[in-house]
């Protein structure tokens, strides 16, 4: 079923409950479906994708739903253009990468780059949070070929290891119930989400 049309109103009402909701990054925005969730919750959203065609679709979606606080960046997830856009915004309170890590030639490098986008802790606000939603290891080669996946998912241990290598704190992996996986071709795979935070003592990211 489609989400309720008033979903945005409900999310906007919940936004004050977030500890910090200035800037979110939709890493690998695709057609922009996640923007309908992030835009009502955050003051500004930076949507990045390396495909201009997908960015056009995301822009069209944002215009259709009047999501006026979204900025679009054509870049790789570890690219300098994205890093500069996030720096100009003061760092990201949330970086959300939904089902993109299994397309990355070097997943650990991508996690480090995304971690570098997170805002440092400020008075009254914790460090930014990274959320990586992806597949549990699977053996569906047909889906792999259809989606040009480079990896057949990641174990919880691998995701935790990536987070530690990126100097992130409080890393944990949460299972995603099947009822929440939609009706796409990957709905029968098991999904989970890495959640980790930038600690107070994490060094500043080097210039790209």
C-alpha atoms as a PDB file:
ATOM      1  CA  UNK A   1       0.000   0.000   0.000  1.00  0.00           C
ATOM      2  CA  UNK A   2       1.014   3.606  -0.604  1.00  0.00           C
ATOM      3  CA  UNK A   3       2.027   5.703   2.400  1.00  0.00           C
ATOM      4  CA  UNK A   4      -0.660   8.102   3.617  1.00  0.00           C
ATOM      5  CA  UNK A   5      -0.842  11.354   1.670  1.00  0.00           C
ATOM      6  CA  UNK A   6      -0.488  13.268   4.920  1.00  0.00           C
ATOM      7  CA  UNK A   7       2.799  11.501   5.752  1.00  0.00           C
ATOM      8  CA  UNK A   8       4.705  14.748   5.369  1.00  0.00           C
ATOM      9  CA  UNK A   9       2.546  16.454   7.974  1.00  0.00           C
ATOM     10  CA  UNK A  10       3.145  13.637  10.447  1.00  0.00           C
ATOM     11  CA  UNK A  11       6.896  13.729   9.861  1.00  0.00           C
ATOM     12  CA  UNK A  12       7.044  17.507  10.193  1.00  0.00           C
ATOM     13  CA  UNK A  13       5.223  17.213  13.512  1.00  0.00           C
ATOM     14  CA  UNK A  14       7.795  14.667  14.699  1.00  0.00           C
ATOM     15  CA  UNK A  15      10.803  16.735  13.593  1.00  0.00           C
ATOM     16  CA  UNK A  16      11.085  18.723  16.867  1.00  0.00           C
ATOM     17  CA  UNK A  17      11.730  15.440  18.681  1.00  0.00           C
ATOM     18  CA  UNK A  18      15.008  14.947  16.805  1.00  0.00           C
ATOM     19  CA  UNK A  19      18.071  16.081  18.731  1.00  0.00           C
ATOM     20  CA  UNK A  20      19.465  17.813  15.658  1.00  0.00           C
ATOM     21  CA  UNK A  21      17.667  18.153  12.335  1.00  0.00           C
ATOM     22  CA  UNK A  22      19.572  20.743  10.328  1.00  0.00           C
ATOM     23  CA  UNK A  23      21.076  18.840   7.400  1.00  0.00           C
ATOM     24  CA  UNK A  24      20.521  15.362   5.963  1.00  0.00           C
ATOM     25  CA  UNK A  25      22.328  13.720   3.052  1.00  0.00           C
ATOM     26  CA  UNK A  26      20.489  11.232   0.842  1.00  0.00           C
ATOM     27  CA  UNK A  27      23.508   9.283  -0.411  1.00  0.00           C
ATOM     28  CA  UNK A  28      22.598   7.662  -3.726  1.00  0.00           C
ATOM     29  CA  UNK A  29      19.167   9.280  -3.973  1.00  0.00           C
ATOM     30  CA  UNK A  30      18.091   7.357  -7.085  1.00  0.00           C
ATOM     31  CA  UNK A  31      14.582   8.480  -8.023  1.00  0.00           C
ATOM     32  CA  UNK A  32      14.309  10.497  -4.795  1.00  0.00           C
ATOM     33  CA  UNK A  33      11.791   8.331  -2.945  1.00  0.00           C
ATOM     34  CA  UNK A  34      13.542   8.908   0.395  1.00  0.00           C
ATOM     35  CA  UNK A  35      13.283  12.675  -0.025  1.00  0.00           C
ATOM     36  CA  UNK A  36       9.613  12.523   0.914  1.00  0.00           C
ATOM     37  CA  UNK A  37      10.714  11.241   4.322  1.00  0.00           C
ATOM     38  CA  UNK A  38      13.802  13.395   4.872  1.00  0.00           C
ATOM     39  CA  UNK A  39      12.505  16.738   3.592  1.00  0.00           C
ATOM     40  CA  UNK A  40       9.794  17.220   6.259  1.00  0.00           C
ATOM     41  CA  UNK A  41      12.195  16.207   9.048  1.00  0.00           C
ATOM     42  CA  UNK A  42      15.266  18.305   8.208  1.00  0.00           C
ATOM     43  CA  UNK A  43      15.843  21.982   7.523  1.00  0.00           C
ATOM     44  CA  UNK A  44      17.778  21.105   4.382  1.00  0.00           C
ATOM     45  CA  UNK A  45      18.534  17.929   2.441  1.00  0.00           C
ATOM     46  CA  UNK A  46      21.424  17.271   0.072  1.00  0.00           C
ATOM     47  CA  UNK A  47      20.594  14.564  -2.463  1.00  0.00           C
ATOM     48  CA  UNK A  48      23.547  13.081  -4.335  1.00  0.00           C
ATOM     49  CA  UNK A  49      23.790  10.609  -7.185  1.00  0.00           C
ATOM     50  CA  UNK A  50      26.361   9.930  -9.897  1.00  0.00           C
ATOM     51  CA  UNK A  51      23.646   9.434 -12.530  1.00  0.00           C
ATOM     52  CA  UNK A  52      22.260  12.599 -14.097  1.00  0.00           C
ATOM     53  CA  UNK A  53      19.223  10.618 -15.303  1.00  0.00           C
ATOM     54  CA  UNK A  54      18.404   9.525 -11.751  1.00  0.00           C
ATOM     55  CA  UNK A  55      18.947  13.058 -10.479  1.00  0.00           C
ATOM     56  CA  UNK A  56      16.470  14.358 -13.064  1.00  0.00           C
ATOM     57  CA  UNK A  57      13.911  11.854 -11.816  1.00  0.00           C
ATOM     58  CA  UNK A  58      14.599  12.899  -8.220  1.00  0.00           C
ATOM     59  CA  UNK A  59      14.263  16.598  -9.095  1.00  0.00           C
ATOM     60  CA  UNK A  60      10.959  15.912 -10.829  1.00  0.00           C
ATOM     61  CA  UNK A  61       9.716  14.025  -7.780  1.00  0.00           C
ATOM     62  CA  UNK A  62      10.800  16.810  -5.442  1.00  0.00           C
ATOM     63  CA  UNK A  63       9.050  19.416  -7.582  1.00  0.00           C
ATOM     64  CA  UNK A  64       5.889  17.322  -7.716  1.00  0.00           C
ATOM     65  CA  UNK A  65       5.793  17.096  -3.919  1.00  0.00           C
ATOM     66  CA  UNK A  66       6.925  20.712  -3.383  1.00  0.00           C
ATOM     67  CA  UNK A  67      10.074  19.695  -1.502  1.00  0.00           C
ATOM     68  CA  UNK A  68      11.747  23.072  -1.693  1.00  0.00           C
ATOM     69  CA  UNK A  69      14.539  22.422   0.806  1.00  0.00           C
ATOM     70  CA  UNK A  70      16.421  19.841  -1.304  1.00  0.00           C
ATOM     71  CA  UNK A  71      19.729  20.541  -3.064  1.00  0.00           C
ATOM     72  CA  UNK A  72      20.918  18.122  -5.751  1.00  0.00           C
ATOM     73  CA  UNK A  73      24.566  17.188  -6.312  1.00  0.00           C
ATOM     74  CA  UNK A  74      25.882  15.193  -9.272  1.00  0.00           C
ATOM     75  CA  UNK A  75      28.833  13.326  -7.770  1.00  0.00           C
ATOM     76  CA  UNK A  76      30.237  10.075  -6.425  1.00  0.00           C
ATOM     77  CA  UNK A  77      29.606   9.311  -2.752  1.00  0.00           C
ATOM     78  CA  UNK A  78      33.273   9.950  -2.009  1.00  0.00           C
ATOM     79  CA  UNK A  79      33.524  12.920  -4.364  1.00  0.00           C
ATOM     80  CA  UNK A  80      34.841  16.393  -3.664  1.00  0.00           C
ATOM     81  CA  UNK A  81      31.740  18.204  -4.921  1.00  0.00           C
ATOM     82  CA  UNK A  82      29.567  16.456  -2.338  1.00  0.00           C
ATOM     83  CA  UNK A  83      32.113  17.047   0.426  1.00  0.00           C
ATOM     84  CA  UNK A  84      32.203  20.774  -0.330  1.00  0.00           C
ATOM     85  CA  UNK A  85      28.409  21.052  -0.413  1.00  0.00           C
ATOM     86  CA  UNK A  86      28.125  19.386   2.984  1.00  0.00           C
ATOM     87  CA  UNK A  87      30.973  21.503   4.404  1.00  0.00           C
ATOM     88  CA  UNK A  88      29.204  24.652   3.221  1.00  0.00           C
ATOM     89  CA  UNK A  89      26.093  23.468   5.068  1.00  0.00           C
ATOM     90  CA  UNK A  90      28.024  22.956   8.312  1.00  0.00           C
ATOM     91  CA  UNK A  91      28.174  19.163   8.219  1.00  0.00           C
ATOM     92  CA  UNK A  92      25.408  16.555   8.132  1.00  0.00           C
ATOM     93  CA  UNK A  93      23.346  15.527  11.135  1.00  0.00           C
ATOM     94  CA  UNK A  94      22.305  12.441   9.156  1.00  0.00           C
ATOM     95  CA  UNK A  95      23.816  10.628   6.202  1.00  0.00           C
ATOM     96  CA  UNK A  96      21.466   7.936   4.881  1.00  0.00           C
ATOM     97  CA  UNK A  97      22.672   5.414   2.279  1.00  0.00           C
ATOM     98  CA  UNK A  98      19.841   3.122   1.269  1.00  0.00           C
ATOM     99  CA  UNK A  99      20.833   0.000  -0.675  1.00  0.00           C
ATOM    100  CA  UNK A 100      23.804   1.602  -2.406  1.00  0.00           C
ATOM    101  CA  UNK A 101      26.781   0.042  -0.631  1.00  0.00           C
ATOM    102  CA  UNK A 102      26.537  -3.227  -2.574  1.00  0.00           C
ATOM    103  CA  UNK A 103      27.201  -1.208  -5.759  1.00  0.00           C
ATOM    104  CA  UNK A 104      30.441   0.284  -4.412  1.00  0.00           C
ATOM    105  CA  UNK A 105      33.747  -1.167  -5.703  1.00  0.00           C
ATOM    106  CA  UNK A 106      35.347  -0.282  -2.344  1.00  0.00           C
ATOM    107  CA  UNK A 107      32.644  -0.330   0.350  1.00  0.00           C
ATOM    108  CA  UNK A 108      34.997   0.471   3.212  1.00  0.00           C
ATOM    109  CA  UNK A 109      36.237   3.576   1.404  1.00  0.00           C
ATOM    110  CA  UNK A 110      32.663   4.735   0.842  1.00  0.00           C
ATOM    111  CA  UNK A 111      31.823   4.333   4.536  1.00  0.00           C
ATOM    112  CA  UNK A 112      34.887   6.403   5.453  1.00  0.00           C
ATOM    113  CA  UNK A 113      33.880   9.106   2.974  1.00  0.00           C
ATOM    114  CA  UNK A 114      30.294   9.217   4.266  1.00  0.00           C
ATOM    115  CA  UNK A 115      31.534   9.299   7.845  1.00  0.00           C
ATOM    116  CA  UNK A 116      33.627  12.324   6.926  1.00  0.00           C
ATOM    117  CA  UNK A 117      30.437  14.220   6.036  1.00  0.00           C
ATOM    118  CA  UNK A 118      29.028  13.966   9.552  1.00  0.00           C
ATOM    119  CA  UNK A 119      28.812  17.052  11.711  1.00  0.00           C
ATOM    120  CA  UNK A 120      30.979  17.201  14.811  1.00  0.00           C
ATOM    121  CA  UNK A 121      29.220  17.267  18.187  1.00  0.00           C
ATOM    122  CA  UNK A 122      28.076  20.749  19.162  1.00  0.00           C
ATOM    123  CA  UNK A 123      26.777  22.154  22.415  1.00  0.00           C
ATOM    124  CA  UNK A 124      23.406  20.510  22.955  1.00  0.00           C
ATOM    125  CA  UNK A 125      23.720  18.234  19.916  1.00  0.00           C
ATOM    126  CA  UNK A 126      25.538  14.930  19.358  1.00  0.00           C
ATOM    127  CA  UNK A 127      27.743  14.098  16.412  1.00  0.00           C
ATOM    128  CA  UNK A 128      26.061  13.260  13.129  1.00  0.00           C
ATOM    129  CA  UNK A 129      24.676   9.776  12.470  1.00  0.00           C
ATOM    130  CA  UNK A 130      25.352   7.457   9.547  1.00  0.00           C
ATOM    131  CA  UNK A 131      22.659   4.972   8.505  1.00  0.00           C
ATOM    132  CA  UNK A 132      23.513   2.345   5.882  1.00  0.00           C
ATOM    133  CA  UNK A 133      20.625   0.150   4.777  1.00  0.00           C
ATOM    134  CA  UNK A 134      21.678  -2.902   2.775  1.00  0.00           C
ATOM    135  CA  UNK A 135      21.306  -6.647   2.294  1.00  0.00           C
ATOM    136  CA  UNK A 136      22.338  -9.492   4.518  1.00  0.00           C
ATOM    137  CA  UNK A 137      24.625 -11.859   2.516  1.00  0.00           C
ATOM    138  CA  UNK A 138      22.574 -13.799  -0.043  1.00  0.00           C
ATOM    139  CA  UNK A 139      23.027 -16.089  -3.055  1.00  0.00           C
ATOM    140  CA  UNK A 140      20.515 -14.598  -5.516  1.00  0.00           C
ATOM    141  CA  UNK A 141      22.763 -14.310  -8.570  1.00  0.00           C
ATOM    142  CA  UNK A 142      19.803 -13.406 -10.782  1.00  0.00           C
ATOM    143  CA  UNK A 143      19.108 -10.274  -8.757  1.00  0.00           C
ATOM    144  CA  UNK A 144      22.821  -9.500  -8.672  1.00  0.00           C
ATOM    145  CA  UNK A 145      23.003  -9.580 -12.465  1.00  0.00           C
ATOM    146  CA  UNK A 146      19.737  -7.679 -12.935  1.00  0.00           C
ATOM    147  CA  UNK A 147      20.860  -4.820 -10.682  1.00  0.00           C
ATOM    148  CA  UNK A 148      24.578  -4.899 -11.539  1.00  0.00           C
ATOM    149  CA  UNK A 149      25.408  -5.524  -7.882  1.00  0.00           C
ATOM    150  CA  UNK A 150      29.089  -5.894  -7.027  1.00  0.00           C
ATOM    151  CA  UNK A 151      28.484  -7.514  -3.623  1.00  0.00           C
ATOM    152  CA  UNK A 152      26.014 -10.122  -2.416  1.00  0.00           C
ATOM    153  CA  UNK A 153      25.246  -8.212   0.759  1.00  0.00           C
ATOM    154  CA  UNK A 154      27.276  -7.679   3.916  1.00  0.00           C
ATOM    155  CA  UNK A 155      27.344  -9.411   7.265  1.00  0.00           C
ATOM    156  CA  UNK A 156      26.713  -7.453  10.442  1.00  0.00           C
ATOM    157  CA  UNK A 157      30.339  -8.054  11.366  1.00  0.00           C
ATOM    158  CA  UNK A 158      31.537  -6.523   8.085  1.00  0.00           C
ATOM    159  CA  UNK A 159      29.373  -3.434   8.563  1.00  0.00           C
ATOM    160  CA  UNK A 160      30.593  -2.981  12.131  1.00  0.00           C
ATOM    161  CA  UNK A 161      34.172  -3.378  10.897  1.00  0.00           C
ATOM    162  CA  UNK A 162      33.613  -0.679   8.244  1.00  0.00           C
ATOM    163  CA  UNK A 163      32.244   1.660  10.919  1.00  0.00           C
ATOM    164  CA  UNK A 164      35.197   1.053  13.217  1.00  0.00           C
ATOM    165  CA  UNK A 165      37.639   1.629  10.357  1.00  0.00           C
ATOM    166  CA  UNK A 166      35.914   4.976   9.775  1.00  0.00           C
ATOM    167  CA  UNK A 167      36.394   5.868  13.480  1.00  0.00           C
ATOM    168  CA  UNK A 168      32.652   5.881  14.129  1.00  0.00           C
ATOM    169  CA  UNK A 169      31.153   5.259  17.533  1.00  0.00           C
ATOM    170  CA  UNK A 170      28.198   3.287  18.927  1.00  0.00           C
ATOM    171  CA  UNK A 171      27.936   1.149  15.793  1.00  0.00           C
ATOM    172  CA  UNK A 172      25.112  -1.371  15.753  1.00  0.00           C
ATOM    173  CA  UNK A 173      23.232  -3.347  13.119  1.00  0.00           C
ATOM    174  CA  UNK A 174      19.448  -3.614  13.198  1.00  0.00           C
ATOM    175  CA  UNK A 175      17.321  -6.144  11.259  1.00  0.00           C
ATOM    176  CA  UNK A 176      14.602  -4.799   8.963  1.00  0.00           C
ATOM    177  CA  UNK A 177      11.300  -6.735   9.196  1.00  0.00           C
ATOM    178  CA  UNK A 178      10.032  -8.192   5.930  1.00  0.00           C
ATOM    179  CA  UNK A 179       6.788  -6.222   6.193  1.00  0.00           C
ATOM    180  CA  UNK A 180       8.828  -3.018   5.807  1.00  0.00           C
ATOM    181  CA  UNK A 181      10.722  -4.068   2.642  1.00  0.00           C
ATOM    182  CA  UNK A 182       8.114  -2.980   0.117  1.00  0.00           C
ATOM    183  CA  UNK A 183       7.185  -4.968  -2.982  1.00  0.00           C
ATOM    184  CA  UNK A 184      10.293  -4.609  -5.144  1.00  0.00           C
ATOM    185  CA  UNK A 185      12.382  -7.412  -6.645  1.00  0.00           C
ATOM    186  CA  UNK A 186      14.602  -7.469  -3.542  1.00  0.00           C
ATOM    187  CA  UNK A 187      11.763  -7.842  -1.034  1.00  0.00           C
ATOM    188  CA  UNK A 188      12.583 -11.510  -0.368  1.00  0.00           C
ATOM    189  CA  UNK A 189      16.165 -10.779   0.625  1.00  0.00           C
ATOM    190  CA  UNK A 190      17.006 -10.111   4.253  1.00  0.00           C
ATOM    191  CA  UNK A 191      17.855  -6.476   4.983  1.00  0.00           C
ATOM    192  CA  UNK A 192      19.592  -4.810   7.888  1.00  0.00           C
ATOM    193  CA  UNK A 193      20.821  -1.346   8.785  1.00  0.00           C
ATOM    194  CA  UNK A 194      24.093  -0.108  10.216  1.00  0.00           C
ATOM    195  CA  UNK A 195      23.682   2.868  12.568  1.00  0.00           C
ATOM    196  CA  UNK A 196      26.796   4.658  13.834  1.00  0.00           C
ATOM    197  CA  UNK A 197      27.770   8.123  15.078  1.00  0.00           C
ATOM    198  CA  UNK A 198      30.633  10.578  14.811  1.00  0.00           C
ATOM    199  CA  UNK A 199      32.421  10.738  18.167  1.00  0.00           C
ATOM    200  CA  UNK A 200      33.626  13.917  19.816  1.00  0.00           C
ATOM    201  CA  UNK A 201      37.274  13.117  19.172  1.00  0.00           C
ATOM    202  CA  UNK A 202      37.033  12.189  15.471  1.00  0.00           C
ATOM    203  CA  UNK A 203      39.550  14.243  13.454  1.00  0.00           C
ATOM    204  CA  UNK A 204      38.412  16.616  10.764  1.00  0.00           C
ATOM    205  CA  UNK A 205      38.138  15.142   7.271  1.00  0.00           C
ATOM    206  CA  UNK A 206      41.007  15.855   4.924  1.00  0.00           C
ATOM    207  CA  UNK A 207      40.287  18.063   1.936  1.00  0.00           C
ATOM    208  CA  UNK A 208      39.242  16.128  -1.166  1.00  0.00           C
END
